[in-house]
Amino acid sequence: MTRFTLNGKPVTTSAHPMARLLDVLRDEFRMTGVKEGCGEGECGACSILRDGKLVNSCILSVGMMEGAHLETPEGISATPGGKAINDGYAEAGAVQCGFCMTGMAVATEALLRENLNPTEHEIRTAISGNLCRCTGYALIIDGIERAAEKRREIAAGGKTERSERTA
């Protein structure tokens, strides 16, 4: 038995300790926002947060998660900060096929928890482990910048310099 916290709820799995975390999340816990792209930890489609740090679930075993706090795209998107990410991406038109978006959103969450004012270089670095074959990244970067602005508004209690100018 392996025990961990999944999106804020304690869970237990009887899956073999060497089972891939990605498979357990998808098959047992129905966290289908976690995608399999490459199966080698190269594309970022399977990204989750483990104890607040960005990791690829396709290269981790579930047995390594004992006592860990895991956050999947589903858990993140259910928060106000996750909604800000989703809205930022939507406003920027950053989504084309959508396959990479959940992993990109998790990488964005990891970045914005650390830095609400990222530069373009910091954004590019933060998403460098996530591959997108559709957008060319410019719209994704714009979406992350919009999400950061929304997160700053949340942190400021709903007002930022831009929102004050437009009011």
N, C-alpha and C. Protein backbone atom coordinates (compact mmCIF):
# COMPACT_ATOMS: atom_id res chain seq x y z
N MET A 1 0.84 -1.18 0.00
CA MET A 1 0.00 0.00 0.00
C MET A 1 0.89 1.25 0.00
N THR A 2 0.54 2.18 -0.84
CA THR A 2 1.24 3.45 -0.90
C THR A 2 0.23 4.55 -0.58
N ARG A 3 0.61 5.42 0.37
CA ARG A 3 -0.28 6.50 0.79
C ARG A 3 0.33 7.84 0.40
N PHE A 4 -0.50 8.70 -0.16
CA PHE A 4 -0.07 10.05 -0.50
C PHE A 4 -1.30 10.95 -0.55
N THR A 5 -1.06 12.22 -0.72
CA THR A 5 -2.16 13.18 -0.85
C THR A 5 -2.28 13.54 -2.31
N LEU A 6 -3.49 13.46 -2.84
CA LEU A 6 -3.76 13.74 -4.24
C LEU A 6 -4.77 14.89 -4.32
N ASN A 7 -4.31 16.02 -4.81
CA ASN A 7 -5.17 17.20 -4.92
C ASN A 7 -5.87 17.52 -3.60
N GLY A 8 -5.09 17.43 -2.52
CA GLY A 8 -5.58 17.80 -1.21
C GLY A 8 -6.30 16.72 -0.43
N LYS A 9 -6.46 15.54 -1.01
CA LYS A 9 -7.16 14.45 -0.33
C LYS A 9 -6.23 13.27 -0.12
N PRO A 10 -6.24 12.70 1.10
CA PRO A 10 -5.41 11.51 1.33
C PRO A 10 -5.95 10.32 0.53
N VAL A 11 -5.06 9.61 -0.13
CA VAL A 11 -5.44 8.43 -0.90
C VAL A 11 -4.48 7.30 -0.61
N THR A 12 -4.92 6.11 -0.94
CA THR A 12 -4.11 4.90 -0.80
C THR A 12 -4.27 4.10 -2.08
N THR A 13 -3.18 3.51 -2.52
CA THR A 13 -3.24 2.62 -3.68
C THR A 13 -2.56 1.30 -3.34
N SER A 14 -3.11 0.24 -3.88
CA SER A 14 -2.49 -1.07 -3.73
C SER A 14 -1.71 -1.44 -5.00
N ALA A 15 -1.53 -0.48 -5.90
CA ALA A 15 -0.76 -0.73 -7.12
C ALA A 15 0.66 -1.17 -6.76
N HIS A 16 1.25 -1.97 -7.62
CA HIS A 16 2.63 -2.41 -7.40
C HIS A 16 3.50 -1.17 -7.24
N PRO A 17 4.40 -1.16 -6.26
CA PRO A 17 5.23 0.02 -6.02
C PRO A 17 6.06 0.47 -7.22
N MET A 18 6.33 -0.44 -8.16
CA MET A 18 7.10 -0.07 -9.35
C MET A 18 6.22 0.38 -10.52
N ALA A 19 4.89 0.37 -10.32
CA ALA A 19 3.99 0.84 -11.38
C ALA A 19 4.27 2.31 -11.65
N ARG A 20 4.16 2.69 -12.91
CA ARG A 20 4.38 4.10 -13.25
C ARG A 20 3.30 4.96 -12.61
N LEU A 21 3.73 6.04 -12.01
CA LEU A 21 2.79 6.96 -11.40
C LEU A 21 1.76 7.44 -12.41
N LEU A 22 2.19 7.76 -13.62
CA LEU A 22 1.27 8.20 -14.67
C LEU A 22 0.11 7.23 -14.84
N ASP A 23 0.41 5.93 -14.92
CA ASP A 23 -0.64 4.93 -15.13
C ASP A 23 -1.58 4.85 -13.94
N VAL A 24 -1.05 4.92 -12.74
CA VAL A 24 -1.89 4.86 -11.54
C VAL A 24 -2.78 6.09 -11.46
N LEU A 25 -2.23 7.25 -11.74
CA LEU A 25 -3.04 8.47 -11.71
C LEU A 25 -4.19 8.39 -12.72
N ARG A 26 -3.90 7.95 -13.92
CA ARG A 26 -4.92 7.89 -14.96
C ARG A 26 -5.91 6.74 -14.74
N ASP A 27 -5.40 5.55 -14.49
CA ASP A 27 -6.25 4.36 -14.45
C ASP A 27 -7.00 4.18 -13.13
N GLU A 28 -6.31 4.40 -12.03
CA GLU A 28 -6.95 4.18 -10.73
C GLU A 28 -7.68 5.42 -10.23
N PHE A 29 -7.07 6.58 -10.40
CA PHE A 29 -7.65 7.80 -9.84
C PHE A 29 -8.36 8.67 -10.88
N ARG A 30 -8.37 8.23 -12.13
CA ARG A 30 -9.07 8.91 -13.23
C ARG A 30 -8.63 10.36 -13.43
N MET A 31 -7.35 10.62 -13.21
CA MET A 31 -6.77 11.94 -13.45
C MET A 31 -6.29 11.98 -14.90
N THR A 32 -7.22 12.14 -15.81
CA THR A 32 -6.90 12.04 -17.24
C THR A 32 -6.30 13.33 -17.80
N GLY A 33 -6.18 14.38 -16.99
CA GLY A 33 -5.45 15.57 -17.43
C GLY A 33 -3.97 15.30 -17.55
N VAL A 34 -3.51 14.25 -16.89
CA VAL A 34 -2.11 13.83 -16.98
C VAL A 34 -2.01 12.95 -18.23
N LYS A 35 -1.28 13.42 -19.22
CA LYS A 35 -1.21 12.74 -20.52
C LYS A 35 0.11 11.99 -20.68
N GLU A 36 0.07 10.97 -21.52
CA GLU A 36 1.32 10.33 -21.92
C GLU A 36 1.67 10.78 -23.32
N GLY A 37 2.81 11.43 -23.43
CA GLY A 37 3.29 11.86 -24.73
C GLY A 37 4.43 10.97 -25.16
N CYS A 38 5.53 11.04 -24.42
CA CYS A 38 6.74 10.33 -24.84
C CYS A 38 7.03 9.10 -23.98
N GLY A 39 6.59 9.11 -22.72
CA GLY A 39 6.91 8.00 -21.82
C GLY A 39 8.35 7.98 -21.36
N GLU A 40 9.10 9.07 -21.65
CA GLU A 40 10.53 9.12 -21.32
C GLU A 40 10.91 10.37 -20.53
N GLY A 41 9.92 11.15 -20.09
CA GLY A 41 10.22 12.35 -19.32
C GLY A 41 10.74 13.51 -20.13
N GLU A 42 10.48 13.50 -21.44
CA GLU A 42 11.02 14.54 -22.31
C GLU A 42 10.01 15.58 -22.76
N CYS A 43 8.70 15.25 -22.77
CA CYS A 43 7.73 16.14 -23.41
C CYS A 43 6.91 16.99 -22.44
N GLY A 44 6.80 16.58 -21.19
CA GLY A 44 6.07 17.36 -20.20
C GLY A 44 4.57 17.16 -20.17
N ALA A 45 4.02 16.34 -21.04
CA ALA A 45 2.57 16.14 -21.07
C ALA A 45 2.05 15.51 -19.78
N CYS A 46 2.90 14.81 -19.08
CA CYS A 46 2.50 14.11 -17.86
C CYS A 46 2.85 14.89 -16.59
N SER A 47 3.16 16.16 -16.73
CA SER A 47 3.63 16.96 -15.60
C SER A 47 2.61 17.04 -14.47
N ILE A 48 3.13 16.94 -13.25
CA ILE A 48 2.36 17.16 -12.02
C ILE A 48 3.28 17.91 -11.06
N LEU A 49 2.72 18.32 -9.94
CA LEU A 49 3.53 18.88 -8.88
C LEU A 49 3.64 17.84 -7.77
N ARG A 50 4.86 17.57 -7.36
CA ARG A 50 5.12 16.68 -6.23
C ARG A 50 5.75 17.54 -5.15
N ASP A 51 5.05 17.69 -4.05
CA ASP A 51 5.51 18.56 -2.97
C ASP A 51 5.88 19.94 -3.50
N GLY A 52 5.05 20.42 -4.46
CA GLY A 52 5.22 21.75 -5.02
C GLY A 52 6.24 21.88 -6.13
N LYS A 53 6.91 20.81 -6.47
CA LYS A 53 7.94 20.84 -7.52
C LYS A 53 7.44 20.12 -8.77
N LEU A 54 7.78 20.68 -9.92
CA LEU A 54 7.38 20.11 -11.20
C LEU A 54 8.13 18.81 -11.47
N VAL A 55 7.37 17.74 -11.76
CA VAL A 55 7.97 16.44 -12.09
C VAL A 55 7.19 15.79 -13.23
N ASN A 56 7.83 14.84 -13.88
CA ASN A 56 7.20 14.06 -14.95
C ASN A 56 6.73 12.74 -14.36
N SER A 57 5.44 12.52 -14.37
CA SER A 57 4.89 11.31 -13.74
C SER A 57 5.16 10.04 -14.52
N CYS A 58 5.58 10.16 -15.78
CA CYS A 58 5.83 8.96 -16.57
C CYS A 58 7.13 8.25 -16.20
N ILE A 59 8.00 8.94 -15.48
CA ILE A 59 9.28 8.31 -15.14
C ILE A 59 9.43 8.07 -13.63
N LEU A 60 8.33 8.20 -12.91
CA LEU A 60 8.35 7.96 -11.47
C LEU A 60 7.49 6.75 -11.14
N SER A 61 7.91 5.99 -10.13
CA SER A 61 7.08 4.87 -9.69
C SER A 61 6.16 5.35 -8.57
N VAL A 62 5.02 4.72 -8.48
CA VAL A 62 4.06 5.11 -7.45
C VAL A 62 4.62 4.86 -6.05
N GLY A 63 5.47 3.87 -5.90
CA GLY A 63 6.07 3.58 -4.60
C GLY A 63 6.92 4.73 -4.07
N MET A 64 7.43 5.57 -4.98
CA MET A 64 8.24 6.73 -4.58
C MET A 64 7.38 7.85 -4.02
N MET A 65 6.07 7.72 -4.06
CA MET A 65 5.16 8.79 -3.66
C MET A 65 4.71 8.69 -2.21
N GLU A 66 5.18 7.71 -1.50
CA GLU A 66 4.76 7.54 -0.10
C GLU A 66 4.92 8.85 0.66
N GLY A 67 3.80 9.35 1.21
CA GLY A 67 3.80 10.57 2.01
C GLY A 67 3.87 11.87 1.22
N ALA A 68 3.93 11.78 -0.09
CA ALA A 68 4.06 12.98 -0.92
C ALA A 68 2.71 13.68 -1.09
N HIS A 69 2.78 14.94 -1.47
CA HIS A 69 1.61 15.73 -1.82
C HIS A 69 1.66 15.96 -3.33
N LEU A 70 0.69 15.38 -4.04
CA LEU A 70 0.66 15.46 -5.49
C LEU A 70 -0.48 16.37 -5.94
N GLU A 71 -0.19 17.16 -6.98
CA GLU A 71 -1.22 18.00 -7.58
C GLU A 71 -1.21 17.75 -9.08
N THR A 72 -2.38 17.43 -9.60
CA THR A 72 -2.54 17.16 -11.02
C THR A 72 -3.20 18.37 -11.69
N PRO A 73 -3.28 18.34 -13.02
CA PRO A 73 -3.98 19.44 -13.69
C PRO A 73 -5.40 19.66 -13.16
N GLU A 74 -6.09 18.58 -12.83
CA GLU A 74 -7.46 18.71 -12.30
C GLU A 74 -7.49 19.47 -10.99
N GLY A 75 -6.55 19.16 -10.10
CA GLY A 75 -6.51 19.84 -8.81
C GLY A 75 -6.12 21.30 -8.95
N ILE A 76 -5.17 21.57 -9.80
CA ILE A 76 -4.71 22.95 -10.00
C ILE A 76 -5.81 23.80 -10.64
N SER A 77 -6.47 23.26 -11.66
CA SER A 77 -7.48 24.06 -12.37
C SER A 77 -8.69 24.37 -11.51
N ALA A 78 -8.87 23.63 -10.42
CA ALA A 78 -10.01 23.88 -9.52
C ALA A 78 -9.75 25.02 -8.54
N THR A 79 -8.58 25.62 -8.59
CA THR A 79 -8.23 26.71 -7.68
C THR A 79 -8.38 28.06 -8.38
N PRO A 80 -8.48 29.16 -7.63
CA PRO A 80 -8.51 30.47 -8.28
C PRO A 80 -7.26 30.73 -9.13
N GLY A 81 -6.10 30.29 -8.66
CA GLY A 81 -4.88 30.45 -9.43
C GLY A 81 -4.91 29.63 -10.71
N GLY A 82 -5.47 28.44 -10.64
CA GLY A 82 -5.61 27.60 -11.83
C GLY A 82 -6.58 28.20 -12.83
N LYS A 83 -7.65 28.80 -12.33
CA LYS A 83 -8.60 29.49 -13.21
C LYS A 83 -7.91 30.65 -13.91
N ALA A 84 -7.05 31.36 -13.19
CA ALA A 84 -6.30 32.47 -13.80
C ALA A 84 -5.41 31.96 -14.94
N ILE A 85 -4.81 30.81 -14.75
CA ILE A 85 -3.98 30.21 -15.81
C ILE A 85 -4.85 29.84 -17.00
N ASN A 86 -5.95 29.16 -16.74
CA ASN A 86 -6.85 28.76 -17.83
C ASN A 86 -7.35 29.98 -18.59
N ASP A 87 -7.75 31.02 -17.87
CA ASP A 87 -8.26 32.24 -18.51
C ASP A 87 -7.16 32.94 -19.30
N GLY A 88 -5.96 33.00 -18.75
CA GLY A 88 -4.85 33.64 -19.45
C GLY A 88 -4.54 32.94 -20.76
N TYR A 89 -4.52 31.62 -20.73
CA TYR A 89 -4.26 30.86 -21.95
C TYR A 89 -5.39 31.08 -22.96
N ALA A 90 -6.63 31.07 -22.49
CA ALA A 90 -7.77 31.24 -23.39
C ALA A 90 -7.76 32.63 -24.03
N GLU A 91 -7.51 33.65 -23.24
CA GLU A 91 -7.49 35.02 -23.77
C GLU A 91 -6.39 35.20 -24.82
N ALA A 92 -5.29 34.51 -24.63
CA ALA A 92 -4.17 34.64 -25.57
C ALA A 92 -4.36 33.76 -26.81
N GLY A 93 -5.36 32.89 -26.79
CA GLY A 93 -5.53 31.96 -27.90
C GLY A 93 -4.39 30.97 -27.98
N ALA A 94 -3.88 30.57 -26.81
CA ALA A 94 -2.68 29.74 -26.74
C ALA A 94 -2.92 28.26 -27.03
N VAL A 95 -4.16 27.85 -27.08
CA VAL A 95 -4.46 26.42 -27.24
C VAL A 95 -4.81 26.11 -28.68
N GLN A 96 -4.12 25.13 -29.25
CA GLN A 96 -4.52 24.65 -30.57
C GLN A 96 -5.04 23.23 -30.41
N CYS A 97 -4.21 22.23 -30.50
CA CYS A 97 -4.74 20.87 -30.35
C CYS A 97 -5.05 20.57 -28.89
N GLY A 98 -4.34 21.21 -27.97
CA GLY A 98 -4.63 21.06 -26.55
C GLY A 98 -3.88 19.96 -25.84
N PHE A 99 -3.18 19.09 -26.55
CA PHE A 99 -2.54 17.95 -25.90
C PHE A 99 -1.51 18.37 -24.86
N CYS A 100 -0.73 19.38 -25.14
CA CYS A 100 0.34 19.80 -24.22
C CYS A 100 -0.16 20.72 -23.12
N MET A 101 -1.37 21.24 -23.25
CA MET A 101 -1.81 22.33 -22.40
C MET A 101 -1.87 21.99 -20.91
N THR A 102 -2.25 20.78 -20.56
CA THR A 102 -2.31 20.47 -19.12
C THR A 102 -0.90 20.48 -18.52
N GLY A 103 0.05 19.93 -19.24
CA GLY A 103 1.44 19.98 -18.76
C GLY A 103 1.97 21.39 -18.72
N MET A 104 1.64 22.20 -19.73
CA MET A 104 2.05 23.61 -19.74
C MET A 104 1.43 24.35 -18.55
N ALA A 105 0.16 24.06 -18.26
CA ALA A 105 -0.52 24.72 -17.15
C ALA A 105 0.13 24.35 -15.82
N VAL A 106 0.54 23.11 -15.66
CA VAL A 106 1.22 22.69 -14.43
C VAL A 106 2.57 23.40 -14.32
N ALA A 107 3.31 23.48 -15.42
CA ALA A 107 4.59 24.20 -15.40
C ALA A 107 4.37 25.68 -15.10
N THR A 108 3.28 26.25 -15.62
CA THR A 108 2.95 27.64 -15.33
C THR A 108 2.65 27.82 -13.85
N GLU A 109 1.90 26.90 -13.27
CA GLU A 109 1.60 26.97 -11.84
C GLU A 109 2.89 26.93 -11.02
N ALA A 110 3.80 26.04 -11.37
CA ALA A 110 5.07 25.96 -10.64
C ALA A 110 5.83 27.28 -10.73
N LEU A 111 5.85 27.87 -11.92
CA LEU A 111 6.53 29.15 -12.11
C LEU A 111 5.88 30.25 -11.28
N LEU A 112 4.56 30.39 -11.39
CA LEU A 112 3.88 31.52 -10.75
C LEU A 112 3.83 31.39 -9.24
N ARG A 113 3.98 30.21 -8.71
CA ARG A 113 4.10 30.07 -7.25
C ARG A 113 5.40 30.68 -6.76
N GLU A 114 6.41 30.64 -7.60
CA GLU A 114 7.73 31.16 -7.24
C GLU A 114 7.91 32.62 -7.64
N ASN A 115 7.24 33.03 -8.73
CA ASN A 115 7.53 34.33 -9.32
C ASN A 115 6.30 34.87 -10.05
N LEU A 116 5.65 35.87 -9.49
CA LEU A 116 4.47 36.46 -10.12
C LEU A 116 4.81 37.51 -11.17
N ASN A 117 6.08 37.81 -11.33
CA ASN A 117 6.53 38.79 -12.32
C ASN A 117 7.63 38.22 -13.20
N PRO A 118 7.37 37.09 -13.86
CA PRO A 118 8.45 36.47 -14.65
C PRO A 118 8.75 37.25 -15.93
N THR A 119 10.02 37.26 -16.28
CA THR A 119 10.43 37.81 -17.57
C THR A 119 10.14 36.78 -18.65
N GLU A 120 10.22 37.19 -19.90
CA GLU A 120 10.01 36.24 -20.98
C GLU A 120 11.05 35.11 -20.90
N HIS A 121 12.28 35.45 -20.58
CA HIS A 121 13.32 34.42 -20.44
C HIS A 121 12.96 33.43 -19.33
N GLU A 122 12.48 33.93 -18.19
CA GLU A 122 12.10 33.04 -17.09
C GLU A 122 10.92 32.16 -17.49
N ILE A 123 9.98 32.70 -18.25
CA ILE A 123 8.85 31.90 -18.72
C ILE A 123 9.36 30.80 -19.65
N ARG A 124 10.20 31.17 -20.60
CA ARG A 124 10.74 30.18 -21.54
C ARG A 124 11.50 29.07 -20.80
N THR A 125 12.26 29.46 -19.79
CA THR A 125 12.99 28.47 -19.00
C THR A 125 12.02 27.56 -18.25
N ALA A 126 10.97 28.14 -17.67
CA ALA A 126 10.01 27.36 -16.88
C ALA A 126 9.26 26.33 -17.71
N ILE A 127 8.99 26.65 -18.98
CA ILE A 127 8.26 25.70 -19.82
C ILE A 127 9.17 24.90 -20.74
N SER A 128 10.46 25.00 -20.53
CA SER A 128 11.41 24.34 -21.44
C SER A 128 11.30 22.82 -21.42
N GLY A 129 10.72 22.25 -20.41
CA GLY A 129 10.53 20.80 -20.35
C GLY A 129 9.22 20.35 -20.96
N ASN A 130 8.50 21.27 -21.58
CA ASN A 130 7.20 20.95 -22.18
C ASN A 130 7.25 21.24 -23.68
N LEU A 131 6.93 20.23 -24.46
CA LEU A 131 6.95 20.37 -25.91
C LEU A 131 5.55 20.65 -26.45
N CYS A 132 5.48 21.58 -27.40
CA CYS A 132 4.25 21.88 -28.11
C CYS A 132 4.57 21.81 -29.60
N ARG A 133 3.76 21.09 -30.33
CA ARG A 133 4.01 20.94 -31.77
C ARG A 133 3.13 21.86 -32.60
N CYS A 134 2.25 22.64 -31.96
CA CYS A 134 1.27 23.42 -32.73
C CYS A 134 1.52 24.92 -32.74
N THR A 135 1.85 25.50 -31.59
CA THR A 135 1.72 26.96 -31.47
C THR A 135 2.97 27.76 -31.73
N GLY A 136 4.14 27.18 -31.64
CA GLY A 136 5.36 27.97 -31.77
C GLY A 136 5.70 28.73 -30.50
N TYR A 137 4.97 28.53 -29.44
CA TYR A 137 5.24 29.04 -28.09
C TYR A 137 4.90 30.51 -27.86
N ALA A 138 4.83 31.36 -28.88
CA ALA A 138 4.57 32.78 -28.67
C ALA A 138 3.24 33.01 -27.96
N LEU A 139 2.19 32.32 -28.39
CA LEU A 139 0.88 32.49 -27.76
C LEU A 139 0.87 31.90 -26.35
N ILE A 140 1.62 30.85 -26.13
CA ILE A 140 1.72 30.26 -24.79
C ILE A 140 2.39 31.25 -23.84
N ILE A 141 3.46 31.86 -24.30
CA ILE A 141 4.16 32.86 -23.47
C ILE A 141 3.22 34.02 -23.17
N ASP A 142 2.47 34.47 -24.15
CA ASP A 142 1.49 35.53 -23.92
C ASP A 142 0.45 35.07 -22.89
N GLY A 143 -0.01 33.85 -23.01
CA GLY A 143 -0.98 33.31 -22.04
C GLY A 143 -0.43 33.27 -20.63
N ILE A 144 0.84 32.93 -20.49
CA ILE A 144 1.46 32.90 -19.16
C ILE A 144 1.61 34.31 -18.62
N GLU A 145 1.95 35.26 -19.47
CA GLU A 145 2.03 36.66 -19.02
C GLU A 145 0.66 37.15 -18.55
N ARG A 146 -0.39 36.79 -19.26
CA ARG A 146 -1.75 37.17 -18.86
C ARG A 146 -2.13 36.48 -17.55
N ALA A 147 -1.76 35.22 -17.42
CA ALA A 147 -2.05 34.49 -16.18
C ALA A 147 -1.31 35.11 -15.01
N ALA A 148 -0.08 35.52 -15.22
CA ALA A 148 0.70 36.17 -14.15
C ALA A 148 0.01 37.46 -13.72
N GLU A 149 -0.49 38.21 -14.68
CA GLU A 149 -1.20 39.45 -14.34
C GLU A 149 -2.45 39.13 -13.50
N LYS A 150 -3.18 38.12 -13.90
CA LYS A 150 -4.38 37.73 -13.15
C LYS A 150 -4.01 37.26 -11.74
N ARG A 151 -2.91 36.55 -11.63
CA ARG A 151 -2.47 36.08 -10.31
C ARG A 151 -2.03 37.25 -9.44
N ARG A 152 -1.40 38.24 -10.04
CA ARG A 152 -1.03 39.45 -9.27
C ARG A 152 -2.29 40.15 -8.78
N GLU A 153 -3.34 40.18 -9.60
CA GLU A 153 -4.61 40.77 -9.18
C GLU A 153 -5.18 40.01 -7.99
N ILE A 154 -5.14 38.69 -8.05
CA ILE A 154 -5.63 37.87 -6.94
C ILE A 154 -4.83 38.18 -5.68
N ALA A 155 -3.50 38.23 -5.82
CA ALA A 155 -2.62 38.50 -4.66
C ALA A 155 -2.86 39.89 -4.08
N ALA A 156 -3.24 40.85 -4.95
CA ALA A 156 -3.46 42.23 -4.50
C ALA A 156 -4.91 42.46 -4.08
N GLY A 157 -5.68 41.41 -3.99
CA GLY A 157 -7.06 41.56 -3.58
C GLY A 157 -7.95 42.09 -4.69
N GLY A 158 -7.56 41.86 -5.94
CA GLY A 158 -8.40 42.24 -7.06
C GLY A 158 -7.98 43.48 -7.80
N LYS A 159 -6.94 44.18 -7.33
CA LYS A 159 -6.51 45.41 -8.02
C LYS A 159 -5.03 45.34 -8.35
N THR A 160 -4.73 45.71 -9.58
CA THR A 160 -3.34 45.89 -9.99
C THR A 160 -3.23 47.25 -10.67
N GLU A 161 -2.04 47.64 -11.01
CA GLU A 161 -1.85 48.92 -11.67
C GLU A 161 -2.67 49.00 -12.95
N ARG A 162 -2.71 47.92 -13.74
CA ARG A 162 -3.46 47.92 -14.99
C ARG A 162 -4.95 48.03 -14.70
N SER A 163 -5.47 47.25 -13.73
CA SER A 163 -6.90 47.29 -13.46
C SER A 163 -7.32 48.64 -12.91
N GLU A 164 -6.43 49.32 -12.21
CA GLU A 164 -6.73 50.67 -11.70
C GLU A 164 -6.77 51.67 -12.84
N ARG A 165 -5.91 51.50 -13.86
CA ARG A 165 -5.89 52.41 -15.01
C ARG A 165 -7.15 52.26 -15.86
N THR A 166 -7.67 51.03 -15.95
CA THR A 166 -8.83 50.80 -16.79
C THR A 166 -10.15 51.03 -16.06
N ALA A 167 -10.09 51.25 -14.76
CA ALA A 167 -11.32 51.45 -13.98
C ALA A 167 -11.89 52.84 -14.17
